[in-house]
Amino acid sequence: MAAVAAATGQTPRVAGKPEAPLFHAAAKRLAADRPLVVGDRLDTDILGGNNAGFATVAVLTGVDTTATILAARTAERPDYIINSLSDLHRPYPALDHTDGTHRCGASTARVSGDTIHVSGSEGDLDSWRAACAAWWTAVPDAALPTEPKLEWRNH
């Protein structure tokens, strides 16, 4: 961008990820009423979808992991987390929040200070979904990634 600005004397308008115009143009071209942005990178795919006001899905087949998604800054937090693209064809589990406890499937998570107490298996994505819901409720406005401590208790 600096080279374009220097050569033209103009400030270029950004159209690539994570800027919203790229996502809006794609949705318009596809005539999508309610686009779902699916990506494996928080800083481009998920941030771009969120910037555009679209629903976002982080898929765990690339750069980001359950731990980096949990610690994500607010602008990069996805609406959904799945293991692979084939999960798009499966029902997404319900998340429930009652009295400070977040539940997803058989897993629960509760925040105390900077620690998330998770009842569930570390290998179960529902445990991470519950942990994310609990942490993001406790830390709703994070300008920077915020990594909590995790305390696991298998059911």
N, C-alpha and C. Protein backbone atom coordinates (compact mmCIF):
# COMPACT_ATOMS: atom_id res chain seq x y z
N MET A 1 0.81 -1.19 0.00
CA MET A 1 0.00 0.00 0.00
C MET A 1 0.86 1.25 0.00
N ALA A 2 1.98 1.21 0.70
CA ALA A 2 2.86 2.38 0.75
C ALA A 2 3.39 2.72 -0.64
N ALA A 3 3.71 1.69 -1.42
CA ALA A 3 4.22 1.91 -2.77
C ALA A 3 3.16 2.56 -3.66
N VAL A 4 1.93 2.11 -3.56
CA VAL A 4 0.83 2.69 -4.34
C VAL A 4 0.61 4.14 -3.92
N ALA A 5 0.60 4.40 -2.62
CA ALA A 5 0.41 5.76 -2.13
C ALA A 5 1.52 6.68 -2.60
N ALA A 6 2.78 6.20 -2.56
CA ALA A 6 3.92 7.01 -2.99
C ALA A 6 3.86 7.30 -4.49
N ALA A 7 3.47 6.30 -5.27
CA ALA A 7 3.45 6.45 -6.73
C ALA A 7 2.31 7.32 -7.21
N THR A 8 1.17 7.26 -6.51
CA THR A 8 -0.02 7.97 -7.00
C THR A 8 -0.34 9.23 -6.22
N GLY A 9 0.23 9.37 -5.03
CA GLY A 9 -0.11 10.50 -4.19
C GLY A 9 -1.50 10.37 -3.57
N GLN A 10 -2.09 9.21 -3.70
CA GLN A 10 -3.43 8.94 -3.17
C GLN A 10 -3.36 7.82 -2.13
N THR A 11 -4.28 7.84 -1.20
CA THR A 11 -4.37 6.76 -0.22
C THR A 11 -5.27 5.68 -0.81
N PRO A 12 -4.72 4.48 -1.01
CA PRO A 12 -5.54 3.42 -1.61
C PRO A 12 -6.62 2.93 -0.66
N ARG A 13 -7.74 2.52 -1.24
CA ARG A 13 -8.79 1.88 -0.46
C ARG A 13 -8.49 0.39 -0.43
N VAL A 14 -8.50 -0.17 0.75
CA VAL A 14 -8.17 -1.58 0.92
C VAL A 14 -9.41 -2.42 0.60
N ALA A 15 -9.21 -3.48 -0.18
CA ALA A 15 -10.33 -4.34 -0.54
C ALA A 15 -10.09 -5.79 -0.15
N GLY A 16 -8.95 -6.11 0.38
CA GLY A 16 -8.64 -7.50 0.75
C GLY A 16 -9.02 -7.81 2.18
N LYS A 17 -8.76 -9.04 2.59
CA LYS A 17 -9.04 -9.44 3.96
C LYS A 17 -8.16 -8.64 4.91
N PRO A 18 -8.63 -8.23 6.03
CA PRO A 18 -9.93 -8.46 6.65
C PRO A 18 -10.92 -7.31 6.46
N GLU A 19 -10.77 -6.53 5.42
CA GLU A 19 -11.64 -5.38 5.21
C GLU A 19 -13.03 -5.81 4.73
N ALA A 20 -14.04 -5.14 5.24
CA ALA A 20 -15.43 -5.49 4.95
C ALA A 20 -15.82 -5.41 3.48
N PRO A 21 -15.30 -4.46 2.67
CA PRO A 21 -15.76 -4.37 1.27
C PRO A 21 -15.59 -5.67 0.48
N LEU A 22 -14.52 -6.41 0.71
CA LEU A 22 -14.32 -7.68 0.02
C LEU A 22 -15.44 -8.66 0.36
N PHE A 23 -15.80 -8.73 1.61
CA PHE A 23 -16.84 -9.65 2.06
C PHE A 23 -18.22 -9.22 1.55
N HIS A 24 -18.47 -7.91 1.57
CA HIS A 24 -19.74 -7.40 1.06
C HIS A 24 -19.86 -7.66 -0.45
N ALA A 25 -18.77 -7.46 -1.18
CA ALA A 25 -18.79 -7.69 -2.63
C ALA A 25 -19.04 -9.17 -2.93
N ALA A 26 -18.41 -10.04 -2.17
CA ALA A 26 -18.61 -11.48 -2.38
C ALA A 26 -20.05 -11.88 -2.09
N ALA A 27 -20.61 -11.36 -1.02
CA ALA A 27 -22.00 -11.68 -0.66
C ALA A 27 -22.96 -11.17 -1.74
N LYS A 28 -22.70 -9.97 -2.23
CA LYS A 28 -23.56 -9.40 -3.27
C LYS A 28 -23.46 -10.23 -4.55
N ARG A 29 -22.25 -10.60 -4.91
CA ARG A 29 -22.05 -11.39 -6.13
C ARG A 29 -22.75 -12.75 -6.06
N LEU A 30 -22.79 -13.33 -4.86
CA LEU A 30 -23.43 -14.62 -4.66
C LEU A 30 -24.91 -14.49 -4.31
N ALA A 31 -25.40 -13.26 -4.22
CA ALA A 31 -26.78 -12.98 -3.83
C ALA A 31 -27.12 -13.65 -2.50
N ALA A 32 -26.19 -13.58 -1.57
CA ALA A 32 -26.35 -14.22 -0.26
C ALA A 32 -27.04 -13.25 0.71
N ASP A 33 -28.17 -13.68 1.25
CA ASP A 33 -28.89 -12.86 2.23
C ASP A 33 -28.22 -12.90 3.59
N ARG A 34 -27.82 -14.10 4.00
CA ARG A 34 -27.21 -14.29 5.32
C ARG A 34 -25.93 -15.10 5.15
N PRO A 35 -24.86 -14.47 4.70
CA PRO A 35 -23.61 -15.21 4.47
C PRO A 35 -23.02 -15.76 5.76
N LEU A 36 -22.33 -16.86 5.62
CA LEU A 36 -21.60 -17.49 6.70
C LEU A 36 -20.14 -17.55 6.26
N VAL A 37 -19.28 -16.82 6.96
CA VAL A 37 -17.86 -16.78 6.61
C VAL A 37 -17.16 -17.90 7.38
N VAL A 38 -16.53 -18.79 6.64
CA VAL A 38 -15.83 -19.93 7.23
C VAL A 38 -14.34 -19.74 6.98
N GLY A 39 -13.54 -19.87 8.02
CA GLY A 39 -12.11 -19.70 7.84
C GLY A 39 -11.30 -20.33 8.94
N ASP A 40 -10.00 -20.48 8.67
CA ASP A 40 -9.09 -21.09 9.64
C ASP A 40 -8.14 -20.07 10.27
N ARG A 41 -8.34 -18.79 9.94
CA ARG A 41 -7.49 -17.73 10.50
C ARG A 41 -8.36 -16.66 11.14
N LEU A 42 -8.07 -16.37 12.40
CA LEU A 42 -8.82 -15.34 13.10
C LEU A 42 -8.53 -13.95 12.54
N ASP A 43 -7.27 -13.68 12.21
CA ASP A 43 -6.86 -12.33 11.85
C ASP A 43 -7.26 -11.91 10.44
N THR A 44 -7.72 -12.82 9.61
CA THR A 44 -8.16 -12.46 8.27
C THR A 44 -9.61 -12.89 8.04
N ASP A 45 -9.85 -14.18 8.09
CA ASP A 45 -11.18 -14.73 7.77
C ASP A 45 -12.24 -14.31 8.78
N ILE A 46 -11.99 -14.59 10.05
CA ILE A 46 -12.99 -14.32 11.09
C ILE A 46 -13.12 -12.80 11.32
N LEU A 47 -12.00 -12.11 11.41
CA LEU A 47 -12.05 -10.65 11.57
C LEU A 47 -12.79 -10.00 10.39
N GLY A 48 -12.50 -10.45 9.18
CA GLY A 48 -13.17 -9.90 8.01
C GLY A 48 -14.66 -10.15 8.01
N GLY A 49 -15.06 -11.37 8.34
CA GLY A 49 -16.49 -11.69 8.43
C GLY A 49 -17.17 -10.87 9.51
N ASN A 50 -16.52 -10.74 10.65
CA ASN A 50 -17.08 -9.92 11.74
C ASN A 50 -17.16 -8.45 11.32
N ASN A 51 -16.11 -7.94 10.66
CA ASN A 51 -16.12 -6.55 10.19
C ASN A 51 -17.29 -6.29 9.25
N ALA A 52 -17.64 -7.30 8.46
CA ALA A 52 -18.74 -7.17 7.50
C ALA A 52 -20.11 -7.38 8.15
N GLY A 53 -20.13 -7.82 9.41
CA GLY A 53 -21.39 -8.06 10.10
C GLY A 53 -22.01 -9.41 9.77
N PHE A 54 -21.20 -10.35 9.27
CA PHE A 54 -21.68 -11.68 8.91
C PHE A 54 -21.39 -12.68 10.04
N ALA A 55 -22.13 -13.77 10.05
CA ALA A 55 -21.85 -14.87 10.99
C ALA A 55 -20.53 -15.51 10.59
N THR A 56 -19.77 -15.95 11.57
CA THR A 56 -18.44 -16.52 11.30
C THR A 56 -18.27 -17.89 11.94
N VAL A 57 -17.50 -18.73 11.26
CA VAL A 57 -17.18 -20.07 11.74
C VAL A 57 -15.68 -20.27 11.66
N ALA A 58 -15.06 -20.58 12.79
CA ALA A 58 -13.64 -20.94 12.80
C ALA A 58 -13.54 -22.45 12.63
N VAL A 59 -12.78 -22.87 11.63
CA VAL A 59 -12.58 -24.29 11.40
C VAL A 59 -11.14 -24.64 11.81
N LEU A 60 -11.00 -25.73 12.55
CA LEU A 60 -9.71 -26.08 13.16
C LEU A 60 -8.82 -26.91 12.24
N THR A 61 -8.73 -26.51 10.99
CA THR A 61 -7.91 -27.26 10.03
C THR A 61 -6.71 -26.46 9.56
N GLY A 62 -6.43 -25.35 10.21
CA GLY A 62 -5.36 -24.49 9.71
C GLY A 62 -4.55 -23.85 10.81
N VAL A 63 -4.44 -22.55 10.73
CA VAL A 63 -3.54 -21.78 11.57
C VAL A 63 -3.97 -21.75 13.03
N ASP A 64 -5.21 -21.35 13.29
CA ASP A 64 -5.63 -21.16 14.67
C ASP A 64 -6.11 -22.45 15.33
N THR A 65 -5.99 -22.47 16.64
CA THR A 65 -6.29 -23.65 17.46
C THR A 65 -7.38 -23.28 18.47
N THR A 66 -7.84 -24.26 19.20
CA THR A 66 -8.83 -23.99 20.25
C THR A 66 -8.27 -22.99 21.27
N ALA A 67 -6.98 -23.11 21.59
CA ALA A 67 -6.37 -22.20 22.57
C ALA A 67 -6.29 -20.77 22.04
N THR A 68 -5.92 -20.58 20.77
CA THR A 68 -5.84 -19.22 20.24
C THR A 68 -7.23 -18.63 20.04
N ILE A 69 -8.20 -19.47 19.72
CA ILE A 69 -9.58 -18.99 19.58
C ILE A 69 -10.11 -18.55 20.95
N LEU A 70 -9.85 -19.32 21.98
CA LEU A 70 -10.27 -18.97 23.33
C LEU A 70 -9.70 -17.61 23.74
N ALA A 71 -8.44 -17.37 23.44
CA ALA A 71 -7.76 -16.14 23.84
C ALA A 71 -8.02 -14.96 22.90
N ALA A 72 -8.78 -15.16 21.84
CA ALA A 72 -8.95 -14.15 20.79
C ALA A 72 -9.46 -12.82 21.32
N ARG A 73 -8.97 -11.77 20.68
CA ARG A 73 -9.52 -10.45 21.00
C ARG A 73 -10.95 -10.40 20.47
N THR A 74 -11.75 -9.52 21.01
CA THR A 74 -13.18 -9.48 20.72
C THR A 74 -13.48 -9.44 19.23
N ALA A 75 -12.77 -8.63 18.47
CA ALA A 75 -13.03 -8.47 17.04
C ALA A 75 -12.79 -9.75 16.23
N GLU A 76 -12.04 -10.69 16.80
CA GLU A 76 -11.68 -11.92 16.09
C GLU A 76 -12.38 -13.16 16.63
N ARG A 77 -13.37 -12.98 17.46
CA ARG A 77 -14.07 -14.13 18.04
C ARG A 77 -15.14 -14.63 17.07
N PRO A 78 -15.10 -15.93 16.76
CA PRO A 78 -16.10 -16.48 15.84
C PRO A 78 -17.42 -16.78 16.55
N ASP A 79 -18.47 -16.88 15.74
CA ASP A 79 -19.77 -17.27 16.28
C ASP A 79 -19.85 -18.78 16.53
N TYR A 80 -19.11 -19.53 15.72
CA TYR A 80 -19.13 -21.00 15.79
C TYR A 80 -17.71 -21.52 15.66
N ILE A 81 -17.49 -22.72 16.21
CA ILE A 81 -16.19 -23.40 16.10
C ILE A 81 -16.46 -24.83 15.68
N ILE A 82 -15.79 -25.27 14.61
CA ILE A 82 -15.97 -26.64 14.13
C ILE A 82 -14.60 -27.27 13.87
N ASN A 83 -14.57 -28.60 13.87
CA ASN A 83 -13.33 -29.31 13.62
C ASN A 83 -12.93 -29.31 12.15
N SER A 84 -13.90 -29.54 11.26
CA SER A 84 -13.60 -29.63 9.83
C SER A 84 -14.82 -29.17 9.04
N LEU A 85 -14.62 -28.98 7.75
CA LEU A 85 -15.72 -28.51 6.91
C LEU A 85 -16.91 -29.47 6.89
N SER A 86 -16.66 -30.75 7.09
CA SER A 86 -17.78 -31.70 7.12
C SER A 86 -18.73 -31.42 8.28
N ASP A 87 -18.26 -30.73 9.32
CA ASP A 87 -19.13 -30.37 10.44
C ASP A 87 -20.19 -29.34 10.06
N LEU A 88 -20.03 -28.68 8.92
CA LEU A 88 -21.04 -27.73 8.47
C LEU A 88 -22.37 -28.43 8.19
N HIS A 89 -22.32 -29.74 7.96
CA HIS A 89 -23.53 -30.52 7.65
C HIS A 89 -24.13 -31.17 8.89
N ARG A 90 -23.58 -30.87 10.06
CA ARG A 90 -24.09 -31.45 11.31
C ARG A 90 -24.74 -30.35 12.14
N PRO A 91 -25.73 -30.71 12.93
CA PRO A 91 -26.34 -29.70 13.82
C PRO A 91 -25.30 -29.16 14.80
N TYR A 92 -25.33 -27.87 15.03
CA TYR A 92 -24.41 -27.26 15.98
C TYR A 92 -24.99 -27.40 17.38
N PRO A 93 -24.18 -27.78 18.36
CA PRO A 93 -24.71 -27.99 19.71
C PRO A 93 -25.15 -26.67 20.36
N ALA A 94 -26.19 -26.76 21.15
CA ALA A 94 -26.71 -25.59 21.86
C ALA A 94 -25.77 -25.21 22.99
N LEU A 95 -25.65 -23.91 23.21
CA LEU A 95 -24.92 -23.38 24.35
C LEU A 95 -25.94 -22.80 25.32
N ASP A 96 -25.76 -23.10 26.60
CA ASP A 96 -26.69 -22.63 27.62
C ASP A 96 -25.89 -21.91 28.70
N HIS A 97 -26.45 -20.85 29.25
CA HIS A 97 -25.80 -20.09 30.30
C HIS A 97 -26.78 -19.90 31.45
N THR A 98 -26.46 -20.49 32.59
CA THR A 98 -27.30 -20.39 33.78
C THR A 98 -26.42 -20.16 35.00
N ASP A 99 -26.71 -19.10 35.72
CA ASP A 99 -26.02 -18.81 36.99
C ASP A 99 -24.49 -18.86 36.87
N GLY A 100 -23.95 -18.26 35.82
CA GLY A 100 -22.50 -18.19 35.67
C GLY A 100 -21.85 -19.43 35.09
N THR A 101 -22.64 -20.45 34.82
CA THR A 101 -22.10 -21.68 34.23
C THR A 101 -22.55 -21.77 32.78
N HIS A 102 -21.60 -22.03 31.90
CA HIS A 102 -21.88 -22.21 30.48
C HIS A 102 -21.81 -23.69 30.16
N ARG A 103 -22.82 -24.19 29.45
CA ARG A 103 -22.89 -25.61 29.13
C ARG A 103 -22.97 -25.79 27.62
N CYS A 104 -22.21 -26.76 27.13
CA CYS A 104 -22.30 -27.19 25.74
C CYS A 104 -22.19 -28.71 25.76
N GLY A 105 -23.25 -29.38 25.30
CA GLY A 105 -23.27 -30.83 25.39
C GLY A 105 -23.16 -31.24 26.86
N ALA A 106 -22.26 -32.17 27.14
CA ALA A 106 -22.06 -32.65 28.51
C ALA A 106 -21.00 -31.84 29.26
N SER A 107 -20.41 -30.83 28.63
CA SER A 107 -19.34 -30.03 29.22
C SER A 107 -19.86 -28.74 29.82
N THR A 108 -19.20 -28.30 30.89
CA THR A 108 -19.54 -27.01 31.50
C THR A 108 -18.27 -26.21 31.74
N ALA A 109 -18.43 -24.89 31.84
CA ALA A 109 -17.30 -24.01 32.13
C ALA A 109 -17.78 -22.85 32.98
N ARG A 110 -16.93 -22.48 33.93
CA ARG A 110 -17.23 -21.36 34.83
C ARG A 110 -15.93 -20.59 35.04
N VAL A 111 -16.01 -19.25 35.02
CA VAL A 111 -14.83 -18.41 35.20
C VAL A 111 -14.76 -17.92 36.64
N SER A 112 -13.55 -17.98 37.17
CA SER A 112 -13.24 -17.43 38.49
C SER A 112 -11.92 -16.68 38.35
N GLY A 113 -11.99 -15.35 38.40
CA GLY A 113 -10.78 -14.55 38.20
C GLY A 113 -10.26 -14.71 36.79
N ASP A 114 -9.01 -15.17 36.66
CA ASP A 114 -8.43 -15.38 35.33
C ASP A 114 -8.34 -16.87 34.99
N THR A 115 -9.17 -17.68 35.68
CA THR A 115 -9.16 -19.13 35.46
C THR A 115 -10.53 -19.60 34.99
N ILE A 116 -10.50 -20.49 33.99
CA ILE A 116 -11.74 -21.14 33.56
C ILE A 116 -11.70 -22.56 34.10
N HIS A 117 -12.70 -22.92 34.86
CA HIS A 117 -12.84 -24.28 35.39
C HIS A 117 -13.75 -25.03 34.42
N VAL A 118 -13.19 -26.03 33.75
CA VAL A 118 -13.91 -26.76 32.72
C VAL A 118 -14.17 -28.18 33.20
N SER A 119 -15.42 -28.58 33.17
CA SER A 119 -15.79 -29.95 33.44
C SER A 119 -16.04 -30.60 32.09
N GLY A 120 -15.09 -31.41 31.67
CA GLY A 120 -15.15 -32.05 30.36
C GLY A 120 -13.76 -32.45 29.92
N SER A 121 -13.68 -33.05 28.79
CA SER A 121 -12.40 -33.53 28.26
C SER A 121 -11.74 -32.45 27.41
N GLU A 122 -10.43 -32.32 27.55
CA GLU A 122 -9.68 -31.34 26.75
C GLU A 122 -9.75 -31.65 25.26
N GLY A 123 -10.02 -32.90 24.92
CA GLY A 123 -10.12 -33.31 23.53
C GLY A 123 -11.52 -33.17 22.95
N ASP A 124 -12.47 -32.72 23.75
CA ASP A 124 -13.86 -32.58 23.31
C ASP A 124 -14.12 -31.13 22.92
N LEU A 125 -14.49 -30.90 21.68
CA LEU A 125 -14.73 -29.53 21.21
C LEU A 125 -15.83 -28.85 21.99
N ASP A 126 -16.81 -29.58 22.48
CA ASP A 126 -17.86 -28.97 23.30
C ASP A 126 -17.28 -28.34 24.57
N SER A 127 -16.24 -28.93 25.13
CA SER A 127 -15.58 -28.34 26.30
C SER A 127 -14.98 -26.99 25.95
N TRP A 128 -14.36 -26.90 24.79
CA TRP A 128 -13.77 -25.63 24.34
C TRP A 128 -14.85 -24.62 24.01
N ARG A 129 -15.95 -25.06 23.43
CA ARG A 129 -17.06 -24.15 23.14
C ARG A 129 -17.61 -23.55 24.43
N ALA A 130 -17.77 -24.39 25.44
CA ALA A 130 -18.25 -23.91 26.75
C ALA A 130 -17.23 -22.95 27.36
N ALA A 131 -15.95 -23.29 27.26
CA ALA A 131 -14.89 -22.44 27.81
C ALA A 131 -14.87 -21.08 27.11
N CYS A 132 -14.99 -21.08 25.79
CA CYS A 132 -15.02 -19.82 25.05
C CYS A 132 -16.22 -18.97 25.47
N ALA A 133 -17.39 -19.57 25.55
CA ALA A 133 -18.59 -18.83 25.95
C ALA A 133 -18.40 -18.22 27.34
N ALA A 134 -17.85 -18.99 28.26
CA ALA A 134 -17.65 -18.49 29.63
C ALA A 134 -16.63 -17.35 29.66
N TRP A 135 -15.50 -17.54 28.98
CA TRP A 135 -14.44 -16.54 28.99
C TRP A 135 -14.87 -15.26 28.28
N TRP A 136 -15.52 -15.41 27.15
CA TRP A 136 -15.95 -14.24 26.38
C TRP A 136 -17.05 -13.46 27.10
N THR A 137 -17.84 -14.15 27.92
CA THR A 137 -18.83 -13.44 28.74
C THR A 137 -18.12 -12.68 29.85
N ALA A 138 -17.10 -13.29 30.43
CA ALA A 138 -16.35 -12.66 31.53
C ALA A 138 -15.46 -11.52 31.03
N VAL A 139 -14.97 -11.64 29.79
CA VAL A 139 -14.07 -10.64 29.21
C VAL A 139 -14.66 -10.21 27.85
N PRO A 140 -15.72 -9.40 27.88
CA PRO A 140 -16.41 -9.08 26.64
C PRO A 140 -15.67 -8.10 25.73
N ASP A 141 -14.81 -7.28 26.29
CA ASP A 141 -14.12 -6.26 25.51
C ASP A 141 -12.61 -6.41 25.62
N ALA A 142 -12.05 -7.23 24.75
CA ALA A 142 -10.62 -7.48 24.76
C ALA A 142 -9.99 -6.92 23.49
N ALA A 143 -9.23 -5.84 23.63
CA ALA A 143 -8.54 -5.25 22.49
C ALA A 143 -7.32 -6.08 22.08
N LEU A 144 -6.81 -6.85 23.03
CA LEU A 144 -5.67 -7.73 22.79
C LEU A 144 -6.05 -9.15 23.18
N PRO A 145 -5.37 -10.15 22.62
CA PRO A 145 -5.65 -11.52 23.07
C PRO A 145 -5.44 -11.64 24.58
N THR A 146 -6.36 -12.34 25.22
CA THR A 146 -6.29 -12.53 26.67
C THR A 146 -6.36 -14.01 26.97
N GLU A 147 -5.26 -14.55 27.41
CA GLU A 147 -5.16 -15.99 27.62
C GLU A 147 -5.45 -16.35 29.08
N PRO A 148 -6.55 -17.03 29.32
CA PRO A 148 -6.88 -17.43 30.68
C PRO A 148 -6.12 -18.70 31.09
N LYS A 149 -6.15 -18.98 32.37
CA LYS A 149 -5.67 -20.28 32.85
C LYS A 149 -6.83 -21.25 32.68
N LEU A 150 -6.51 -22.49 32.38
CA LEU A 150 -7.53 -23.52 32.24
C LEU A 150 -7.33 -24.58 33.29
N GLU A 151 -8.39 -24.94 33.97
CA GLU A 151 -8.36 -26.01 34.95
C GLU A 151 -9.36 -27.06 34.47
N TRP A 152 -8.84 -28.22 34.08
CA TRP A 152 -9.67 -29.27 33.50
C TRP A 152 -10.06 -30.29 34.57
N ARG A 153 -11.32 -30.67 34.53
CA ARG A 153 -11.81 -31.74 35.39
C ARG A 153 -12.66 -32.65 34.50
N ASN A 154 -12.18 -33.85 34.28
CA ASN A 154 -12.95 -34.79 33.44
C ASN A 154 -14.18 -35.23 34.19
N HIS A 155 -15.31 -35.35 33.45
CA HIS A 155 -16.55 -35.74 34.11
C HIS A 155 -16.47 -37.16 34.55
